[in-house]
Amino acid sequence: MADGPRLYRPRARELPASNASVTASLNADQARAATFGDGPLLVIAGAGTGKTRTLIHRVAALVERGVAPERILLLTFTRRAAGEMLSRAERLVG
């Protein structure tokens, strides 16, 4: 384990030019969660219901509203799941 906190420097990002809404591919409940305010949100649902997809689209919606990506915290239980969420978020947001 590292001796101190791991700091990540923000990278310059180019957002993809997209006219489609970030919630176009979500169902109504997922879209409501993805666009719910600017504050913290806890998503609890069963296996295979699209929690990760909803959270990734929430990240995209927050970035679209002007929230800096380095100010967004996503939590999960495993490193593998965390890597998957980061990978999906980078593909969606740019």
PDB file of N, CA and C in Angstrom:
ATOM      1  N   MET A   1       0.839  -1.179   0.000  1.00  0.00           N
ATOM      2  CA  MET A   1       0.000   0.000   0.000  1.00  0.00           C
ATOM      3  C   MET A   1       0.885   1.244   0.000  1.00  0.00           C
ATOM      4  N   ALA A   2       0.452   2.275  -0.623  1.00  0.00           N
ATOM      5  CA  ALA A   2       1.227   3.506  -0.715  1.00  0.00           C
ATOM      6  C   ALA A   2       1.284   4.207   0.642  1.00  0.00           C
ATOM      7  N   ASP A   3       2.338   4.990   0.844  1.00  0.00           N
ATOM      8  CA  ASP A   3       2.519   5.695   2.109  1.00  0.00           C
ATOM      9  C   ASP A   3       1.593   6.893   2.245  1.00  0.00           C
ATOM     10  N   GLY A   4       1.241   7.500   1.144  1.00  0.00           N
ATOM     11  CA  GLY A   4       0.417   8.696   1.190  1.00  0.00           C
ATOM     12  C   GLY A   4      -0.724   8.603   0.203  1.00  0.00           C
ATOM     13  N   PRO A   5      -1.536   9.638   0.145  1.00  0.00           N
ATOM     14  CA  PRO A   5      -2.657   9.616  -0.792  1.00  0.00           C
ATOM     15  C   PRO A   5      -2.170   9.702  -2.228  1.00  0.00           C
ATOM     16  N   ARG A   6      -2.895   9.088  -3.109  1.00  0.00           N
ATOM     17  CA  ARG A   6      -2.577   9.116  -4.532  1.00  0.00           C
ATOM     18  C   ARG A   6      -3.309  10.301  -5.156  1.00  0.00           C
ATOM     19  N   LEU A   7      -2.572  11.230  -5.712  1.00  0.00           N
ATOM     20  CA  LEU A   7      -3.164  12.420  -6.312  1.00  0.00           C
ATOM     21  C   LEU A   7      -3.148  12.302  -7.826  1.00  0.00           C
ATOM     22  N   TYR A   8      -4.276  12.587  -8.430  1.00  0.00           N
ATOM     23  CA  TYR A   8      -4.391  12.559  -9.887  1.00  0.00           C
ATOM     24  C   TYR A   8      -4.564  13.973 -10.395  1.00  0.00           C
ATOM     25  N   ARG A   9      -3.717  14.356 -11.305  1.00  0.00           N
ATOM     26  CA  ARG A   9      -3.798  15.688 -11.882  1.00  0.00           C
ATOM     27  C   ARG A   9      -4.885  15.700 -12.959  1.00  0.00           C
ATOM     28  N   PRO A  10      -5.711  16.751 -12.994  1.00  0.00           N
ATOM     29  CA  PRO A  10      -6.749  16.821 -14.023  1.00  0.00           C
ATOM     30  C   PRO A  10      -6.139  16.926 -15.415  1.00  0.00           C
ATOM     31  N   ARG A  11      -6.729  16.222 -16.348  1.00  0.00           N
ATOM     32  CA  ARG A  11      -6.277  16.280 -17.732  1.00  0.00           C
ATOM     33  C   ARG A  11      -7.193  17.208 -18.528  1.00  0.00           C
ATOM     34  N   ALA A  12      -6.643  17.820 -19.549  1.00  0.00           N
ATOM     35  CA  ALA A  12      -7.470  18.619 -20.451  1.00  0.00           C
ATOM     36  C   ALA A  12      -8.400  17.660 -21.185  1.00  0.00           C
ATOM     37  N   ARG A  13      -9.667  17.993 -21.247  1.00  0.00           N
ATOM     38  CA  ARG A  13     -10.648  17.102 -21.860  1.00  0.00           C
ATOM     39  C   ARG A  13     -11.403  17.823 -22.956  1.00  0.00           C
ATOM     40  N   GLU A  14     -11.651  17.103 -24.008  1.00  0.00           N
ATOM     41  CA  GLU A  14     -12.499  17.609 -25.068  1.00  0.00           C
ATOM     42  C   GLU A  14     -13.777  16.808 -25.036  1.00  0.00           C
ATOM     43  N   LEU A  15     -14.886  17.483 -24.770  1.00  0.00           N
ATOM     44  CA  LEU A  15     -16.156  16.789 -24.727  1.00  0.00           C
ATOM     45  C   LEU A  15     -16.645  16.531 -26.140  1.00  0.00           C
ATOM     46  N   PRO A  16     -17.163  15.322 -26.400  1.00  0.00           N
ATOM     47  CA  PRO A  16     -17.660  15.026 -27.730  1.00  0.00           C
ATOM     48  C   PRO A  16     -18.867  15.890 -28.053  1.00  0.00           C
ATOM     49  N   ALA A  17     -18.925  16.365 -29.281  1.00  0.00           N
ATOM     50  CA  ALA A  17     -20.068  17.147 -29.719  1.00  0.00           C
ATOM     51  C   ALA A  17     -21.213  16.184 -29.987  1.00  0.00           C
ATOM     52  N   SER A  18     -22.229  16.272 -29.157  1.00  0.00           N
ATOM     53  CA  SER A  18     -23.347  15.351 -29.285  1.00  0.00           C
ATOM     54  C   SER A  18     -24.631  16.094 -29.028  1.00  0.00           C
ATOM     55  N   ASN A  19     -25.573  15.964 -29.948  1.00  0.00           N
ATOM     56  CA  ASN A  19     -26.874  16.586 -29.771  1.00  0.00           C
ATOM     57  C   ASN A  19     -27.815  15.677 -29.003  1.00  0.00           C
ATOM     58  N   ALA A  20     -27.470  14.397 -28.914  1.00  0.00           N
ATOM     59  CA  ALA A  20     -28.326  13.443 -28.221  1.00  0.00           C
ATOM     60  C   ALA A  20     -28.179  13.628 -26.717  1.00  0.00           C
ATOM     61  N   SER A  21     -29.282  13.499 -26.023  1.00  0.00           N
ATOM     62  CA  SER A  21     -29.270  13.603 -24.572  1.00  0.00           C
ATOM     63  C   SER A  21     -28.520  12.421 -23.986  1.00  0.00           C
ATOM     64  N   VAL A  22     -27.837  12.645 -22.867  1.00  0.00           N
ATOM     65  CA  VAL A  22     -27.095  11.562 -22.236  1.00  0.00           C
ATOM     66  C   VAL A  22     -28.024  10.511 -21.652  1.00  0.00           C
ATOM     67  N   THR A  23     -29.292  10.827 -21.496  1.00  0.00           N
ATOM     68  CA  THR A  23     -30.229   9.871 -20.915  1.00  0.00           C
ATOM     69  C   THR A  23     -31.112   9.191 -21.956  1.00  0.00           C
ATOM     70  N   ALA A  24     -30.833   9.387 -23.222  1.00  0.00           N
ATOM     71  CA  ALA A  24     -31.696   8.832 -24.270  1.00  0.00           C
ATOM     72  C   ALA A  24     -31.778   7.312 -24.230  1.00  0.00           C
ATOM     73  N   SER A  25     -30.730   6.641 -23.784  1.00  0.00           N
ATOM     74  CA  SER A  25     -30.721   5.183 -23.789  1.00  0.00           C
ATOM     75  C   SER A  25     -31.141   4.569 -22.446  1.00  0.00           C
ATOM     76  N   LEU A  26     -31.617   5.396 -21.505  1.00  0.00           N
ATOM     77  CA  LEU A  26     -32.013   4.903 -20.185  1.00  0.00           C
ATOM     78  C   LEU A  26     -33.527   4.799 -20.080  1.00  0.00           C
ATOM     79  N   ASN A  27     -33.996   3.918 -19.170  1.00  0.00           N
ATOM     80  CA  ASN A  27     -35.437   3.878 -18.924  1.00  0.00           C
ATOM     81  C   ASN A  27     -35.806   5.058 -18.020  1.00  0.00           C
ATOM     82  N   ALA A  28     -37.085   5.217 -17.720  1.00  0.00           N
ATOM     83  CA  ALA A  28     -37.551   6.407 -16.993  1.00  0.00           C
ATOM     84  C   ALA A  28     -36.930   6.522 -15.601  1.00  0.00           C
ATOM     85  N   ASP A  29     -36.866   5.423 -14.843  1.00  0.00           N
ATOM     86  CA  ASP A  29     -36.295   5.477 -13.496  1.00  0.00           C
ATOM     87  C   ASP A  29     -34.798   5.760 -13.535  1.00  0.00           C
ATOM     88  N   GLN A  30     -34.089   5.149 -14.477  1.00  0.00           N
ATOM     89  CA  GLN A  30     -32.654   5.389 -14.618  1.00  0.00           C
ATOM     90  C   GLN A  30     -32.400   6.837 -15.003  1.00  0.00           C
ATOM     91  N   ALA A  31     -33.188   7.364 -15.939  1.00  0.00           N
ATOM     92  CA  ALA A  31     -33.014   8.753 -16.373  1.00  0.00           C
ATOM     93  C   ALA A  31     -33.276   9.722 -15.222  1.00  0.00           C
ATOM     94  N   ARG A  32     -34.284   9.418 -14.402  1.00  0.00           N
ATOM     95  CA  ARG A  32     -34.586  10.282 -13.254  1.00  0.00           C
ATOM     96  C   ARG A  32     -33.418  10.298 -12.269  1.00  0.00           C
ATOM     97  N   ALA A  33     -32.821   9.137 -12.016  1.00  0.00           N
ATOM     98  CA  ALA A  33     -31.672   9.064 -11.107  1.00  0.00           C
ATOM     99  C   ALA A  33     -30.458   9.765 -11.710  1.00  0.00           C
ATOM    100  N   ALA A  34     -30.246   9.604 -13.010  1.00  0.00           N
ATOM    101  CA  ALA A  34     -29.074  10.183 -13.667  1.00  0.00           C
ATOM    102  C   ALA A  34     -29.123  11.705 -13.689  1.00  0.00           C
ATOM    103  N   THR A  35     -30.308  12.283 -13.684  1.00  0.00           N
ATOM    104  CA  THR A  35     -30.436  13.737 -13.786  1.00  0.00           C
ATOM    105  C   THR A  35     -30.915  14.385 -12.492  1.00  0.00           C
ATOM    106  N   PHE A  36     -30.923  13.652 -11.388  1.00  0.00           N
ATOM    107  CA  PHE A  36     -31.436  14.138 -10.115  1.00  0.00           C
ATOM    108  C   PHE A  36     -30.453  15.108  -9.467  1.00  0.00           C
ATOM    109  N   GLY A  37     -30.692  16.396  -9.545  1.00  0.00           N
ATOM    110  CA  GLY A  37     -29.910  17.414  -8.852  1.00  0.00           C
ATOM    111  C   GLY A  37     -28.410  17.357  -9.091  1.00  0.00           C
ATOM    112  N   ASP A  38     -27.685  18.173  -8.322  1.00  0.00           N
ATOM    113  CA  ASP A  38     -26.229  18.237  -8.426  1.00  0.00           C
ATOM    114  C   ASP A  38     -25.536  17.644  -7.208  1.00  0.00           C
ATOM    115  N   GLY A  39     -26.291  17.263  -6.194  1.00  0.00           N
ATOM    116  CA  GLY A  39     -25.706  16.763  -4.959  1.00  0.00           C
ATOM    117  C   GLY A  39     -25.537  15.257  -4.956  1.00  0.00           C
ATOM    118  N   PRO A  40     -25.173  14.729  -3.807  1.00  0.00           N
ATOM    119  CA  PRO A  40     -24.958  13.282  -3.663  1.00  0.00           C
ATOM    120  C   PRO A  40     -26.232  12.499  -3.946  1.00  0.00           C
ATOM    121  N   LEU A  41     -26.053  11.276  -4.429  1.00  0.00           N
ATOM    122  CA  LEU A  41     -27.178  10.397  -4.727  1.00  0.00           C
ATOM    123  C   LEU A  41     -26.762   8.964  -4.454  1.00  0.00           C
ATOM    124  N   LEU A  42     -27.574   8.238  -3.714  1.00  0.00           N
ATOM    125  CA  LEU A  42     -27.335   6.830  -3.432  1.00  0.00           C
ATOM    126  C   LEU A  42     -28.279   6.021  -4.305  1.00  0.00           C
ATOM    127  N   VAL A  43     -27.718   5.103  -5.108  1.00  0.00           N
ATOM    128  CA  VAL A  43     -28.520   4.249  -5.980  1.00  0.00           C
ATOM    129  C   VAL A  43     -28.448   2.825  -5.450  1.00  0.00           C
ATOM    130  N   ILE A  44     -29.595   2.275  -5.074  1.00  0.00           N
ATOM    131  CA  ILE A  44     -29.672   0.904  -4.583  1.00  0.00           C
ATOM    132  C   ILE A  44     -30.661   0.155  -5.466  1.00  0.00           C
ATOM    133  N   ALA A  45     -30.222  -0.960  -6.033  1.00  0.00           N
ATOM    134  CA  ALA A  45     -31.098  -1.764  -6.888  1.00  0.00           C
ATOM    135  C   ALA A  45     -30.529  -3.171  -6.971  1.00  0.00           C
ATOM    136  N   GLY A  46     -31.311  -4.079  -7.462  1.00  0.00           N
ATOM    137  CA  GLY A  46     -30.891  -5.474  -7.568  1.00  0.00           C
ATOM    138  C   GLY A  46     -29.892  -5.698  -8.691  1.00  0.00           C
ATOM    139  N   ALA A  47     -29.381  -6.934  -8.737  1.00  0.00           N
ATOM    140  CA  ALA A  47     -28.400  -7.317  -9.750  1.00  0.00           C
ATOM    141  C   ALA A  47     -29.012  -7.228 -11.148  1.00  0.00           C
ATOM    142  N   GLY A  48     -28.241  -6.691 -12.076  1.00  0.00           N
ATOM    143  CA  GLY A  48     -28.667  -6.636 -13.467  1.00  0.00           C
ATOM    144  C   GLY A  48     -29.698  -5.585 -13.792  1.00  0.00           C
ATOM    145  N   THR A  49     -29.867  -4.603 -12.921  1.00  0.00           N
ATOM    146  CA  THR A  49     -30.884  -3.581 -13.158  1.00  0.00           C
ATOM    147  C   THR A  49     -30.334  -2.321 -13.808  1.00  0.00           C
ATOM    148  N   GLY A  50     -29.027  -2.250 -14.027  1.00  0.00           N
ATOM    149  CA  GLY A  50     -28.437  -1.100 -14.702  1.00  0.00           C
ATOM    150  C   GLY A  50     -27.900  -0.030 -13.773  1.00  0.00           C
ATOM    151  N   LYS A  51     -27.483  -0.415 -12.561  1.00  0.00           N
ATOM    152  CA  LYS A  51     -26.942   0.579 -11.620  1.00  0.00           C
ATOM    153  C   LYS A  51     -25.692   1.253 -12.181  1.00  0.00           C
ATOM    154  N   THR A  52     -24.755   0.458 -12.671  1.00  0.00           N
ATOM    155  CA  THR A  52     -23.510   1.031 -13.185  1.00  0.00           C
ATOM    156  C   THR A  52     -23.804   1.930 -14.378  1.00  0.00           C
ATOM    157  N   ARG A  53     -24.656   1.491 -15.268  1.00  0.00           N
ATOM    158  CA  ARG A  53     -25.039   2.289 -16.435  1.00  0.00           C
ATOM    159  C   ARG A  53     -25.651   3.619 -15.993  1.00  0.00           C
ATOM    160  N   THR A  54     -26.513   3.567 -14.982  1.00  0.00           N
ATOM    161  CA  THR A  54     -27.154   4.774 -14.470  1.00  0.00           C
ATOM    162  C   THR A  54     -26.124   5.722 -13.873  1.00  0.00           C
ATOM    163  N   LEU A  55     -25.189   5.195 -13.088  1.00  0.00           N
ATOM    164  CA  LEU A  55     -24.165   6.042 -12.475  1.00  0.00           C
ATOM    165  C   LEU A  55     -23.255   6.683 -13.513  1.00  0.00           C
ATOM    166  N   ILE A  56     -22.897   5.928 -14.526  1.00  0.00           N
ATOM    167  CA  ILE A  56     -22.037   6.480 -15.578  1.00  0.00           C
ATOM    168  C   ILE A  56     -22.761   7.599 -16.326  1.00  0.00           C
ATOM    169  N   HIS A  57     -24.036   7.409 -16.593  1.00  0.00           N
ATOM    170  CA  HIS A  57     -24.800   8.465 -17.252  1.00  0.00           C
ATOM    171  C   HIS A  57     -25.000   9.664 -16.322  1.00  0.00           C
ATOM    172  N   ARG A  58     -25.034   9.429 -15.016  1.00  0.00           N
ATOM    173  CA  ARG A  58     -25.093  10.544 -14.068  1.00  0.00           C
ATOM    174  C   ARG A  58     -23.811  11.362 -14.130  1.00  0.00           C
ATOM    175  N   VAL A  59     -22.686  10.688 -14.215  1.00  0.00           N
ATOM    176  CA  VAL A  59     -21.408  11.387 -14.370  1.00  0.00           C
ATOM    177  C   VAL A  59     -21.456  12.262 -15.624  1.00  0.00           C
ATOM    178  N   ALA A  60     -21.928  11.702 -16.726  1.00  0.00           N
ATOM    179  CA  ALA A  60     -22.013  12.458 -17.978  1.00  0.00           C
ATOM    180  C   ALA A  60     -22.937  13.661 -17.823  1.00  0.00           C
ATOM    181  N   ALA A  61     -24.066  13.473 -17.141  1.00  0.00           N
ATOM    182  CA  ALA A  61     -25.002  14.578 -16.946  1.00  0.00           C
ATOM    183  C   ALA A  61     -24.385  15.671 -16.076  1.00  0.00           C
ATOM    184  N   LEU A  62     -23.648  15.280 -15.039  1.00  0.00           N
ATOM    185  CA  LEU A  62     -22.998  16.274 -14.176  1.00  0.00           C
ATOM    186  C   LEU A  62     -21.925  17.052 -14.932  1.00  0.00           C
ATOM    187  N   VAL A  63     -21.123  16.353 -15.727  1.00  0.00           N
ATOM    188  CA  VAL A  63     -20.080  17.017 -16.517  1.00  0.00           C
ATOM    189  C   VAL A  63     -20.727  17.952 -17.532  1.00  0.00           C
ATOM    190  N   GLU A  64     -21.835  17.513 -18.128  1.00  0.00           N
ATOM    191  CA  GLU A  64     -22.555  18.347 -19.092  1.00  0.00           C
ATOM    192  C   GLU A  64     -23.063  19.634 -18.435  1.00  0.00           C
ATOM    193  N   ARG A  65     -23.418  19.562 -17.146  1.00  0.00           N
ATOM    194  CA  ARG A  65     -23.888  20.736 -16.404  1.00  0.00           C
ATOM    195  C   ARG A  65     -22.760  21.627 -15.922  1.00  0.00           C
ATOM    196  N   GLY A  66     -21.506  21.199 -16.121  1.00  0.00           N
ATOM    197  CA  GLY A  66     -20.374  22.040 -15.751  1.00  0.00           C
ATOM    198  C   GLY A  66     -19.635  21.608 -14.497  1.00  0.00           C
ATOM    199  N   VAL A  67     -20.004  20.477 -13.905  1.00  0.00           N
ATOM    200  CA  VAL A  67     -19.280  19.985 -12.728  1.00  0.00           C
ATOM    201  C   VAL A  67     -17.929  19.437 -13.196  1.00  0.00           C
ATOM    202  N   ALA A  68     -16.865  19.839 -12.541  1.00  0.00           N
ATOM    203  CA  ALA A  68     -15.527  19.371 -12.911  1.00  0.00           C
ATOM    204  C   ALA A  68     -15.413  17.869 -12.611  1.00  0.00           C
ATOM    205  N   PRO A  69     -14.900  17.074 -13.559  1.00  0.00           N
ATOM    206  CA  PRO A  69     -14.793  15.622 -13.349  1.00  0.00           C
ATOM    207  C   PRO A  69     -14.016  15.241 -12.098  1.00  0.00           C
ATOM    208  N   GLU A  70     -13.012  16.032 -11.732  1.00  0.00           N
ATOM    209  CA  GLU A  70     -12.230  15.692 -10.544  1.00  0.00           C
ATOM    210  C   GLU A  70     -12.999  15.960  -9.241  1.00  0.00           C
ATOM    211  N   ARG A  71     -14.184  16.547  -9.331  1.00  0.00           N
ATOM    212  CA  ARG A  71     -15.025  16.797  -8.156  1.00  0.00           C
ATOM    213  C   ARG A  71     -16.106  15.725  -7.980  1.00  0.00           C
ATOM    214  N   ILE A  72     -16.102  14.707  -8.834  1.00  0.00           N
ATOM    215  CA  ILE A  72     -17.117  13.653  -8.792  1.00  0.00           C
ATOM    216  C   ILE A  72     -16.512  12.405  -8.159  1.00  0.00           C
ATOM    217  N   LEU A  73     -17.213  11.838  -7.199  1.00  0.00           N
ATOM    218  CA  LEU A  73     -16.755  10.636  -6.505  1.00  0.00           C
ATOM    219  C   LEU A  73     -17.704   9.485  -6.815  1.00  0.00           C
ATOM    220  N   LEU A  74     -17.164   8.399  -7.374  1.00  0.00           N
ATOM    221  CA  LEU A  74     -17.915   7.169  -7.606  1.00  0.00           C
ATOM    222  C   LEU A  74     -17.332   6.109  -6.687  1.00  0.00           C
ATOM    223  N   LEU A  75     -18.185   5.400  -5.969  1.00  0.00           N
ATOM    224  CA  LEU A  75     -17.714   4.361  -5.067  1.00  0.00           C
ATOM    225  C   LEU A  75     -18.259   3.013  -5.491  1.00  0.00           C
ATOM    226  N   THR A  76     -17.431   1.987  -5.345  1.00  0.00           N
ATOM    227  CA  THR A  76     -17.846   0.619  -5.602  1.00  0.00           C
ATOM    228  C   THR A  76     -17.064  -0.296  -4.669  1.00  0.00           C
ATOM    229  N   PHE A  77     -17.342  -1.585  -4.712  1.00  0.00           N
ATOM    230  CA  PHE A  77     -16.750  -2.507  -3.751  1.00  0.00           C
ATOM    231  C   PHE A  77     -15.430  -3.121  -4.189  1.00  0.00           C
ATOM    232  N   THR A  78     -15.151  -3.192  -5.463  1.00  0.00           N
ATOM    233  CA  THR A  78     -13.939  -3.867  -5.921  1.00  0.00           C
ATOM    234  C   THR A  78     -13.147  -2.986  -6.865  1.00  0.00           C
ATOM    235  N   ARG A  79     -11.850  -3.275  -6.963  1.00  0.00           N
ATOM    236  CA  ARG A  79     -11.000  -2.546  -7.920  1.00  0.00           C
ATOM    237  C   ARG A  79     -11.445  -2.810  -9.356  1.00  0.00           C
ATOM    238  N   ARG A  80     -11.842  -4.032  -9.599  1.00  0.00           N
ATOM    239  CA  ARG A  80     -12.283  -4.391 -10.958  1.00  0.00           C
ATOM    240  C   ARG A  80     -13.507  -3.562 -11.367  1.00  0.00           C
ATOM    241  N   ALA A  81     -14.485  -3.468 -10.473  1.00  0.00           N
ATOM    242  CA  ALA A  81     -15.677  -2.668 -10.760  1.00  0.00           C
ATOM    243  C   ALA A  81     -15.326  -1.192 -10.904  1.00  0.00           C
ATOM    244  N   ALA A  82     -14.398  -0.712 -10.078  1.00  0.00           N
ATOM    245  CA  ALA A  82     -13.977   0.687 -10.176  1.00  0.00           C
ATOM    246  C   ALA A  82     -13.317   0.956 -11.523  1.00  0.00           C
ATOM    247  N   GLY A  83     -12.455   0.036 -11.957  1.00  0.00           N
ATOM    248  CA  GLY A  83     -11.815   0.194 -13.268  1.00  0.00           C
ATOM    249  C   GLY A  83     -12.819   0.183 -14.398  1.00  0.00           C
ATOM    250  N   GLU A  84     -13.824  -0.680 -14.285  1.00  0.00           N
ATOM    251  CA  GLU A  84     -14.871  -0.742 -15.308  1.00  0.00           C
ATOM    252  C   GLU A  84     -15.679   0.552 -15.350  1.00  0.00           C
ATOM    253  N   MET A  85     -16.004   1.105 -14.181  1.00  0.00           N
ATOM    254  CA  MET A  85     -16.759   2.361 -14.156  1.00  0.00           C
ATOM    255  C   MET A  85     -15.948   3.499 -14.758  1.00  0.00           C
ATOM    256  N   LEU A  86     -14.673   3.584 -14.424  1.00  0.00           N
ATOM    257  CA  LEU A  86     -13.829   4.637 -14.999  1.00  0.00           C
ATOM    258  C   LEU A  86     -13.723   4.497 -16.507  1.00  0.00           C
ATOM    259  N   SER A  87     -13.555   3.265 -16.968  1.00  0.00           N
ATOM    260  CA  SER A  87     -13.442   3.020 -18.399  1.00  0.00           C
ATOM    261  C   SER A  87     -14.720   3.441 -19.129  1.00  0.00           C
ATOM    262  N   ARG A  88     -15.870   3.053 -18.589  1.00  0.00           N
ATOM    263  CA  ARG A  88     -17.145   3.428 -19.215  1.00  0.00           C
ATOM    264  C   ARG A  88     -17.363   4.939 -19.195  1.00  0.00           C
ATOM    265  N   ALA A  89     -17.015   5.575 -18.076  1.00  0.00           N
ATOM    266  CA  ALA A  89     -17.202   7.031 -17.969  1.00  0.00           C
ATOM    267  C   ALA A  89     -16.326   7.758 -18.983  1.00  0.00           C
ATOM    268  N   GLU A  90     -15.082   7.322 -19.140  1.00  0.00           N
ATOM    269  CA  GLU A  90     -14.205   7.959 -20.127  1.00  0.00           C
ATOM    270  C   GLU A  90     -14.726   7.787 -21.545  1.00  0.00           C
ATOM    271  N   ARG A  91     -15.277   6.608 -21.848  1.00  0.00           N
ATOM    272  CA  ARG A  91     -15.832   6.392 -23.191  1.00  0.00           C
ATOM    273  C   ARG A  91     -17.061   7.272 -23.439  1.00  0.00           C
ATOM    274  N   LEU A  92     -17.898   7.451 -22.409  1.00  0.00           N
ATOM    275  CA  LEU A  92     -19.125   8.228 -22.588  1.00  0.00           C
ATOM    276  C   LEU A  92     -18.862   9.726 -22.592  1.00  0.00           C
ATOM    277  N   VAL A  93     -18.008  10.184 -21.667  1.00  0.00           N
ATOM    278  CA  VAL A  93     -17.793  11.620 -21.501  1.00  0.00           C
ATOM    279  C   VAL A  93     -16.709  12.162 -22.412  1.00  0.00           C
ATOM    280  N   GLY A  94     -15.662  11.393 -22.616  1.00  0.00           N
ATOM    281  CA  GLY A  94     -14.583  11.859 -23.475  1.00  0.00           C
ATOM    282  C   GLY A  94     -13.344  12.206 -22.697  1.00  0.00           C
TER     283      GLY A  94
END
